[in-house]
Structure formats: C-alpha cells, structure tokens
Amino acid sequence: RLSFAEKIVSILNSLDKERSFIIGLYASWGSG
C-alpha cells in the first residue's frame, strides 16, 4: 500500500492550496 499512499501524497502536494477539494478513497470493508 505504501506506493499508492506515496502517489496520494504527491497529488496532495500538487493541489492548489488556495482551493478546497474533497477526495473520495473508495474500497470495500476490510480492504485496508
């Protein structure tokens, strides 16, 4: 999961800090 988490952090760093965003992280129960 670390590789995916690092990509999320990279996306977060690239977002305009003057704007707001809602990110949905979709997965079934118990999948991590």
PDB file of all heavy atoms in Angstrom:
ATOM      1  N   ARG A   1       0.814  -1.218   0.000  1.00  0.00           N
ATOM      2  CA  ARG A   1       0.000   0.000   0.000  1.00  0.00           C
ATOM      3  C   ARG A   1       0.854   1.278   0.000  1.00  0.00           C
ATOM      4  O   ARG A   1       0.351   2.356  -0.311  1.00  0.00           O
ATOM      5  CB  ARG A   1      -0.909   0.025   1.238  1.00  0.00           C
ATOM      6  CG  ARG A   1      -1.923  -1.107   1.326  1.00  0.00           C
ATOM      7  CD  ARG A   1      -2.930  -0.999   0.243  1.00  0.00           C
ATOM      8  NE  ARG A   1      -4.074  -1.865   0.464  1.00  0.00           N
ATOM      9  CZ  ARG A   1      -4.791  -2.384  -0.502  1.00  0.00           C
ATOM     10  NH1 ARG A   1      -4.451  -2.140  -1.769  1.00  0.00           N
ATOM     11  NH2 ARG A   1      -5.834  -3.139  -0.252  1.00  0.00           N
ATOM     12  N   LEU A   2       2.113   1.164   0.388  1.00  0.00           N
ATOM     13  CA  LEU A   2       2.956   2.352   0.526  1.00  0.00           C
ATOM     14  C   LEU A   2       3.095   3.093  -0.797  1.00  0.00           C
ATOM     15  O   LEU A   2       3.038   4.331  -0.838  1.00  0.00           O
ATOM     16  CB  LEU A   2       4.335   1.960   1.057  1.00  0.00           C
ATOM     17  CG  LEU A   2       5.321   3.122   1.254  1.00  0.00           C
ATOM     18  CD1 LEU A   2       4.775   4.130   2.255  1.00  0.00           C
ATOM     19  CD2 LEU A   2       6.680   2.599   1.705  1.00  0.00           C
ATOM     20  N   SER A   3       3.270   2.367  -1.874  1.00  0.00           N
ATOM     21  CA  SER A   3       3.424   3.004  -3.184  1.00  0.00           C
ATOM     22  C   SER A   3       2.195   3.840  -3.528  1.00  0.00           C
ATOM     23  O   SER A   3       2.313   4.977  -4.007  1.00  0.00           O
ATOM     24  CB  SER A   3       3.657   1.927  -4.249  1.00  0.00           C
ATOM     25  OG  SER A   3       3.706   2.503  -5.533  1.00  0.00           O
ATOM     26  N   PHE A   4       1.003   3.289  -3.263  1.00  0.00           N
ATOM     27  CA  PHE A   4      -0.235   4.028  -3.528  1.00  0.00           C
ATOM     28  C   PHE A   4      -0.324   5.250  -2.623  1.00  0.00           C
ATOM     29  O   PHE A   4      -0.717   6.342  -3.063  1.00  0.00           O
ATOM     30  CB  PHE A   4      -1.432   3.108  -3.313  1.00  0.00           C
ATOM     31  CG  PHE A   4      -2.759   3.761  -3.558  1.00  0.00           C
ATOM     32  CD1 PHE A   4      -3.206   4.000  -4.852  1.00  0.00           C
ATOM     33  CD2 PHE A   4      -3.563   4.149  -2.495  1.00  0.00           C
ATOM     34  CE1 PHE A   4      -4.440   4.603  -5.075  1.00  0.00           C
ATOM     35  CE2 PHE A   4      -4.787   4.753  -2.706  1.00  0.00           C
ATOM     36  CZ  PHE A   4      -5.233   4.986  -4.003  1.00  0.00           C
ATOM     37  N   ALA A   5       0.041   5.087  -1.331  1.00  0.00           N
ATOM     38  CA  ALA A   5      -0.002   6.209  -0.383  1.00  0.00           C
ATOM     39  C   ALA A   5       0.921   7.334  -0.827  1.00  0.00           C
ATOM     40  O   ALA A   5       0.589   8.522  -0.717  1.00  0.00           O
ATOM     41  CB  ALA A   5       0.376   5.719   1.015  1.00  0.00           C
ATOM     42  N   GLU A   6       2.095   6.978  -1.345  1.00  0.00           N
ATOM     43  CA  GLU A   6       3.044   7.997  -1.809  1.00  0.00           C
ATOM     44  C   GLU A   6       2.490   8.768  -3.006  1.00  0.00           C
ATOM     45  O   GLU A   6       2.707   9.980  -3.146  1.00  0.00           O
ATOM     46  CB  GLU A   6       4.375   7.340  -2.164  1.00  0.00           C
ATOM     47  CG  GLU A   6       5.153   6.857  -0.934  1.00  0.00           C
ATOM     48  CD  GLU A   6       6.424   6.120  -1.303  1.00  0.00           C
ATOM     49  OE1 GLU A   6       6.503   5.647  -2.464  1.00  0.00           O
ATOM     50  OE2 GLU A   6       7.316   6.009  -0.444  1.00  0.00           O
ATOM     51  N   LYS A   7       1.750   8.083  -3.863  1.00  0.00           N
ATOM     52  CA  LYS A   7       1.137   8.763  -5.005  1.00  0.00           C
ATOM     53  C   LYS A   7       0.066   9.732  -4.529  1.00  0.00           C
ATOM     54  O   LYS A   7      -0.078  10.829  -5.085  1.00  0.00           O
ATOM     55  CB  LYS A   7       0.540   7.733  -5.960  1.00  0.00           C
ATOM     56  CG  LYS A   7       1.590   6.896  -6.688  1.00  0.00           C
ATOM     57  CD  LYS A   7       0.939   5.848  -7.573  1.00  0.00           C
ATOM     58  CE  LYS A   7       2.001   4.987  -8.252  1.00  0.00           C
ATOM     59  NZ  LYS A   7       1.398   3.914  -9.082  1.00  0.00           N
ATOM     60  N   ILE A   8      -0.684   9.338  -3.489  1.00  0.00           N
ATOM     61  CA  ILE A   8      -1.708  10.239  -2.930  1.00  0.00           C
ATOM     62  C   ILE A   8      -1.039  11.497  -2.371  1.00  0.00           C
ATOM     63  O   ILE A   8      -1.515  12.621  -2.579  1.00  0.00           O
ATOM     64  CB  ILE A   8      -2.506   9.531  -1.822  1.00  0.00           C
ATOM     65  CG1 ILE A   8      -3.286   8.338  -2.388  1.00  0.00           C
ATOM     66  CG2 ILE A   8      -3.461  10.499  -1.135  1.00  0.00           C
ATOM     67  CD1 ILE A   8      -4.372   8.715  -3.346  1.00  0.00           C
ATOM     68  N   VAL A   9       0.044  11.303  -1.634  1.00  0.00           N
ATOM     69  CA  VAL A   9       0.757  12.453  -1.061  1.00  0.00           C
ATOM     70  C   VAL A   9       1.253  13.362  -2.172  1.00  0.00           C
ATOM     71  O   VAL A   9       1.200  14.599  -2.068  1.00  0.00           O
ATOM     72  CB  VAL A   9       1.923  11.975  -0.180  1.00  0.00           C
ATOM     73  CG1 VAL A   9       2.768  13.165   0.281  1.00  0.00           C
ATOM     74  CG2 VAL A   9       1.397  11.211   1.033  1.00  0.00           C
ATOM     75  N   SER A  10       1.725  12.768  -3.252  1.00  0.00           N
ATOM     76  CA  SER A  10       2.197  13.565  -4.389  1.00  0.00           C
ATOM     77  C   SER A  10       1.063  14.386  -4.978  1.00  0.00           C
ATOM     78  O   SER A  10       1.246  15.568  -5.328  1.00  0.00           O
ATOM     79  CB  SER A  10       2.795  12.636  -5.451  1.00  0.00           C
ATOM     80  OG  SER A  10       3.211  13.371  -6.577  1.00  0.00           O
ATOM     81  N   ILE A  11      -0.123  13.788  -5.094  1.00  0.00           N
ATOM     82  CA  ILE A  11      -1.295  14.522  -5.592  1.00  0.00           C
ATOM     83  C   ILE A  11      -1.652  15.659  -4.640  1.00  0.00           C
ATOM     84  O   ILE A  11      -1.939  16.790  -5.068  1.00  0.00           O
ATOM     85  CB  ILE A  11      -2.490  13.560  -5.759  1.00  0.00           C
ATOM     86  CG1 ILE A  11      -2.218  12.567  -6.877  1.00  0.00           C
ATOM     87  CG2 ILE A  11      -3.775  14.329  -6.027  1.00  0.00           C
ATOM     88  CD1 ILE A  11      -3.270  11.479  -7.004  1.00  0.00           C
ATOM     89  N   LEU A  12      -1.628  15.386  -3.335  1.00  0.00           N
ATOM     90  CA  LEU A  12      -1.963  16.415  -2.337  1.00  0.00           C
ATOM     91  C   LEU A  12      -1.015  17.604  -2.438  1.00  0.00           C
ATOM     92  O   LEU A  12      -1.429  18.770  -2.330  1.00  0.00           O
ATOM     93  CB  LEU A  12      -1.909  15.809  -0.934  1.00  0.00           C
ATOM     94  CG  LEU A  12      -2.967  14.749  -0.602  1.00  0.00           C
ATOM     95  CD1 LEU A  12      -2.684  14.129   0.762  1.00  0.00           C
ATOM     96  CD2 LEU A  12      -4.369  15.343  -0.630  1.00  0.00           C
ATOM     97  N   ASN A  13       0.258  17.304  -2.621  1.00  0.00           N
ATOM     98  CA  ASN A  13       1.248  18.388  -2.711  1.00  0.00           C
ATOM     99  C   ASN A  13       1.053  19.242  -3.962  1.00  0.00           C
ATOM    100  O   ASN A  13       1.431  20.416  -3.989  1.00  0.00           O
ATOM    101  CB  ASN A  13       2.663  17.803  -2.709  1.00  0.00           C
ATOM    102  CG  ASN A  13       3.044  17.238  -1.350  1.00  0.00           C
ATOM    103  OD1 ASN A  13       2.549  17.690  -0.321  1.00  0.00           O
ATOM    104  ND2 ASN A  13       3.920  16.242  -1.334  1.00  0.00           N
ATOM    105  N   SER A  14       0.475  18.648  -5.000  1.00  0.00           N
ATOM    106  CA  SER A  14       0.315  19.381  -6.266  1.00  0.00           C
ATOM    107  C   SER A  14      -0.958  20.218  -6.315  1.00  0.00           C
ATOM    108  O   SER A  14      -1.108  21.056  -7.198  1.00  0.00           O
ATOM    109  CB  SER A  14       0.320  18.390  -7.435  1.00  0.00           C
ATOM    110  OG  SER A  14      -0.835  17.562  -7.390  1.00  0.00           O
ATOM    111  N   LEU A  15      -1.888  19.980  -5.380  1.00  0.00           N
ATOM    112  CA  LEU A  15      -3.151  20.718  -5.402  1.00  0.00           C
ATOM    113  C   LEU A  15      -2.948  22.171  -4.983  1.00  0.00           C
ATOM    114  O   LEU A  15      -2.132  22.471  -4.109  1.00  0.00           O
ATOM    115  CB  LEU A  15      -4.164  20.043  -4.474  1.00  0.00           C
ATOM    116  CG  LEU A  15      -4.628  18.637  -4.866  1.00  0.00           C
ATOM    117  CD1 LEU A  15      -5.554  18.075  -3.798  1.00  0.00           C
ATOM    118  CD2 LEU A  15      -5.323  18.655  -6.224  1.00  0.00           C
ATOM    119  N   ASP A  16      -3.717  23.054  -5.590  1.00  0.00           N
ATOM    120  CA  ASP A  16      -3.675  24.485  -5.281  1.00  0.00           C
ATOM    121  C   ASP A  16      -4.117  24.698  -3.839  1.00  0.00           C
ATOM    122  O   ASP A  16      -5.249  24.365  -3.465  1.00  0.00           O
ATOM    123  CB  ASP A  16      -4.597  25.234  -6.246  1.00  0.00           C
ATOM    124  CG  ASP A  16      -4.525  26.753  -6.051  1.00  0.00           C
ATOM    125  OD1 ASP A  16      -3.826  27.206  -5.111  1.00  0.00           O
ATOM    126  OD2 ASP A  16      -5.188  27.463  -6.827  1.00  0.00           O
ATOM    127  N   LYS A  17      -3.235  25.269  -3.018  1.00  0.00           N
ATOM    128  CA  LYS A  17      -3.567  25.435  -1.607  1.00  0.00           C
ATOM    129  C   LYS A  17      -4.569  26.555  -1.359  1.00  0.00           C
ATOM    130  O   LYS A  17      -5.019  26.748  -0.231  1.00  0.00           O
ATOM    131  CB  LYS A  17      -2.308  25.662  -0.783  1.00  0.00           C
ATOM    132  CG  LYS A  17      -1.577  26.963  -1.062  1.00  0.00           C
ATOM    133  CD  LYS A  17      -0.348  27.069  -0.171  1.00  0.00           C
ATOM    134  CE  LYS A  17       0.409  28.376  -0.407  1.00  0.00           C
ATOM    135  NZ  LYS A  17       1.593  28.459   0.463  1.00  0.00           N
ATOM    136  N   GLU A  18      -4.917  27.298  -2.383  1.00  0.00           N
ATOM    137  CA  GLU A  18      -5.935  28.336  -2.235  1.00  0.00           C
ATOM    138  C   GLU A  18      -7.339  27.778  -2.463  1.00  0.00           C
ATOM    139  O   GLU A  18      -8.323  28.476  -2.266  1.00  0.00           O
ATOM    140  CB  GLU A  18      -5.674  29.470  -3.242  1.00  0.00           C
ATOM    141  CG  GLU A  18      -4.332  30.166  -3.066  1.00  0.00           C
ATOM    142  CD  GLU A  18      -4.246  30.876  -1.727  1.00  0.00           C
ATOM    143  OE1 GLU A  18      -5.299  31.365  -1.257  1.00  0.00           O
ATOM    144  OE2 GLU A  18      -3.142  30.932  -1.163  1.00  0.00           O
ATOM    145  N   ARG A  19      -7.393  26.536  -2.895  1.00  0.00           N
ATOM    146  CA  ARG A  19      -8.693  25.941  -3.200  1.00  0.00           C
ATOM    147  C   ARG A  19      -8.974  24.765  -2.262  1.00  0.00           C
ATOM    148  O   ARG A  19      -8.073  24.246  -1.603  1.00  0.00           O
ATOM    149  CB  ARG A  19      -8.728  25.450  -4.652  1.00  0.00           C
ATOM    150  CG  ARG A  19      -8.570  26.555  -5.683  1.00  0.00           C
ATOM    151  CD  ARG A  19      -8.624  25.972  -7.081  1.00  0.00           C
ATOM    152  NE  ARG A  19      -9.867  25.229  -7.305  1.00  0.00           N
ATOM    153  CZ  ARG A  19     -10.070  24.397  -8.329  1.00  0.00           C
ATOM    154  NH1 ARG A  19      -9.098  24.201  -9.209  1.00  0.00           N
ATOM    155  NH2 ARG A  19     -11.230  23.763  -8.454  1.00  0.00           N
ATOM    156  N   SER A  20     -10.232  24.377  -2.210  1.00  0.00           N
ATOM    157  CA  SER A  20     -10.617  23.222  -1.392  1.00  0.00           C
ATOM    158  C   SER A  20     -10.977  22.051  -2.314  1.00  0.00           C
ATOM    159  O   SER A  20     -11.451  22.256  -3.428  1.00  0.00           O
ATOM    160  CB  SER A  20     -11.811  23.569  -0.498  1.00  0.00           C
ATOM    161  OG  SER A  20     -12.941  23.856  -1.299  1.00  0.00           O
ATOM    162  N   PHE A  21     -10.745  20.846  -1.794  1.00  0.00           N
ATOM    163  CA  PHE A  21     -11.041  19.647  -2.567  1.00  0.00           C
ATOM    164  C   PHE A  21     -11.597  18.569  -1.627  1.00  0.00           C
ATOM    165  O   PHE A  21     -11.257  18.521  -0.444  1.00  0.00           O
ATOM    166  CB  PHE A  21      -9.779  19.099  -3.253  1.00  0.00           C
ATOM    167  CG  PHE A  21      -9.190  20.034  -4.266  1.00  0.00           C
ATOM    168  CD1 PHE A  21      -8.205  20.949  -3.890  1.00  0.00           C
ATOM    169  CD2 PHE A  21      -9.615  20.010  -5.592  1.00  0.00           C
ATOM    170  CE1 PHE A  21      -7.651  21.820  -4.815  1.00  0.00           C
ATOM    171  CE2 PHE A  21      -9.064  20.883  -6.518  1.00  0.00           C
ATOM    172  CZ  PHE A  21      -8.077  21.789  -6.135  1.00  0.00           C
ATOM    173  N   ILE A  22     -12.435  17.712  -2.200  1.00  0.00           N
ATOM    174  CA  ILE A  22     -12.913  16.533  -1.474  1.00  0.00           C
ATOM    175  C   ILE A  22     -12.498  15.296  -2.271  1.00  0.00           C
ATOM    176  O   ILE A  22     -12.897  15.133  -3.427  1.00  0.00           O
ATOM    177  CB  ILE A  22     -14.441  16.536  -1.286  1.00  0.00           C
ATOM    178  CG1 ILE A  22     -14.884  17.793  -0.530  1.00  0.00           C
ATOM    179  CG2 ILE A  22     -14.889  15.282  -0.535  1.00  0.00           C
ATOM    180  CD1 ILE A  22     -16.386  17.889  -0.349  1.00  0.00           C
ATOM    181  N   ILE A  23     -11.693  14.474  -1.629  1.00  0.00           N
ATOM    182  CA  ILE A  23     -11.207  13.244  -2.263  1.00  0.00           C
ATOM    183  C   ILE A  23     -11.936  12.056  -1.654  1.00  0.00           C
ATOM    184  O   ILE A  23     -11.977  11.906  -0.425  1.00  0.00           O
ATOM    185  CB  ILE A  23      -9.691  13.079  -2.065  1.00  0.00           C
ATOM    186  CG1 ILE A  23      -8.932  14.261  -2.694  1.00  0.00           C
ATOM    187  CG2 ILE A  23      -9.200  11.753  -2.644  1.00  0.00           C
ATOM    188  CD1 ILE A  23      -7.436  14.249  -2.412  1.00  0.00           C
ATOM    189  N   GLY A  24     -12.517  11.244  -2.490  1.00  0.00           N
ATOM    190  CA  GLY A  24     -13.144  10.009  -2.020  1.00  0.00           C
ATOM    191  C   GLY A  24     -12.213   8.832  -2.253  1.00  0.00           C
ATOM    192  O   GLY A  24     -11.789   8.592  -3.389  1.00  0.00           O
ATOM    193  N   LEU A  25     -11.854   8.137  -1.186  1.00  0.00           N
ATOM    194  CA  LEU A  25     -10.996   6.949  -1.304  1.00  0.00           C
ATOM    195  C   LEU A  25     -11.903   5.726  -1.171  1.00  0.00           C
ATOM    196  O   LEU A  25     -12.305   5.349  -0.075  1.00  0.00           O
ATOM    197  CB  LEU A  25      -9.918   6.960  -0.210  1.00  0.00           C
ATOM    198  CG  LEU A  25      -8.904   5.811  -0.238  1.00  0.00           C
ATOM    199  CD1 LEU A  25      -8.152   5.776  -1.558  1.00  0.00           C
ATOM    200  CD2 LEU A  25      -7.922   5.939   0.922  1.00  0.00           C
ATOM    201  N   TYR A  26     -12.229   5.118  -2.297  1.00  0.00           N
ATOM    202  CA  TYR A  26     -13.240   4.067  -2.335  1.00  0.00           C
ATOM    203  C   TYR A  26     -12.613   2.677  -2.203  1.00  0.00           C
ATOM    204  O   TYR A  26     -11.652   2.341  -2.896  1.00  0.00           O
ATOM    205  CB  TYR A  26     -14.025   4.110  -3.647  1.00  0.00           C
ATOM    206  CG  TYR A  26     -14.806   5.386  -3.872  1.00  0.00           C
ATOM    207  CD1 TYR A  26     -15.229   5.755  -5.147  1.00  0.00           C
ATOM    208  CD2 TYR A  26     -15.131   6.231  -2.810  1.00  0.00           C
ATOM    209  CE1 TYR A  26     -15.951   6.914  -5.370  1.00  0.00           C
ATOM    210  CE2 TYR A  26     -15.848   7.390  -3.016  1.00  0.00           C
ATOM    211  CZ  TYR A  26     -16.254   7.729  -4.299  1.00  0.00           C
ATOM    212  OH  TYR A  26     -16.968   8.883  -4.508  1.00  0.00           O
ATOM    213  N   ALA A  27     -13.176   1.876  -1.323  1.00  0.00           N
ATOM    214  CA  ALA A  27     -12.769   0.472  -1.183  1.00  0.00           C
ATOM    215  C   ALA A  27     -13.772  -0.224  -0.279  1.00  0.00           C
ATOM    216  O   ALA A  27     -14.454   0.418   0.526  1.00  0.00           O
ATOM    217  CB  ALA A  27     -11.364   0.346  -0.603  1.00  0.00           C
ATOM    218  N   SER A  28     -13.874  -1.522  -0.404  1.00  0.00           N
ATOM    219  CA  SER A  28     -14.811  -2.291   0.420  1.00  0.00           C
ATOM    220  C   SER A  28     -14.288  -2.412   1.843  1.00  0.00           C
ATOM    221  O   SER A  28     -13.108  -2.167   2.117  1.00  0.00           O
ATOM    222  CB  SER A  28     -15.034  -3.682  -0.182  1.00  0.00           C
ATOM    223  OG  SER A  28     -13.808  -4.374  -0.280  1.00  0.00           O
ATOM    224  N   TRP A  29     -15.156  -2.812   2.741  1.00  0.00           N
ATOM    225  CA  TRP A  29     -14.784  -3.005   4.145  1.00  0.00           C
ATOM    226  C   TRP A  29     -13.622  -3.990   4.266  1.00  0.00           C
ATOM    227  O   TRP A  29     -13.570  -5.015   3.593  1.00  0.00           O
ATOM    228  CB  TRP A  29     -15.965  -3.540   4.944  1.00  0.00           C
ATOM    229  CG  TRP A  29     -17.024  -2.530   5.236  1.00  0.00           C
ATOM    230  CD1 TRP A  29     -16.880  -1.181   5.235  1.00  0.00           C
ATOM    231  CD2 TRP A  29     -18.384  -2.788   5.574  1.00  0.00           C
ATOM    232  NE1 TRP A  29     -18.062  -0.571   5.557  1.00  0.00           N
ATOM    233  CE2 TRP A  29     -19.009  -1.536   5.773  1.00  0.00           C
ATOM    234  CE3 TRP A  29     -19.139  -3.938   5.744  1.00  0.00           C
ATOM    235  CZ2 TRP A  29     -20.342  -1.407   6.118  1.00  0.00           C
ATOM    236  CZ3 TRP A  29     -20.481  -3.820   6.093  1.00  0.00           C
ATOM    237  CH2 TRP A  29     -21.076  -2.572   6.278  1.00  0.00           C
ATOM    238  N   GLY A  30     -12.708  -3.645   5.147  1.00  0.00           N
ATOM    239  CA  GLY A  30     -11.630  -4.575   5.465  1.00  0.00           C
ATOM    240  C   GLY A  30     -10.533  -4.654   4.438  1.00  0.00           C
ATOM    241  O   GLY A  30      -9.654  -5.510   4.539  1.00  0.00           O
ATOM    242  N   SER A  31     -10.550  -3.795   3.424  1.00  0.00           N
ATOM    243  CA  SER A  31      -9.550  -3.903   2.355  1.00  0.00           C
ATOM    244  C   SER A  31      -8.320  -3.040   2.592  1.00  0.00           C
ATOM    245  O   SER A  31      -7.405  -3.042   1.778  1.00  0.00           O
ATOM    246  CB  SER A  31     -10.185  -3.544   1.009  1.00  0.00           C
ATOM    247  OG  SER A  31     -10.727  -2.238   1.055  1.00  0.00           O
ATOM    248  N   GLY A  32      -8.291  -2.269   3.690  1.00  0.00           N
ATOM    249  CA  GLY A  32      -7.072  -1.539   4.038  1.00  0.00           C
ATOM    250  C   GLY A  32      -7.140  -0.043   3.856  1.00  0.00           C
ATOM    251  O   GLY A  32      -6.107   0.615   3.697  1.00  0.00           O
TER     252      GLY A  32
END
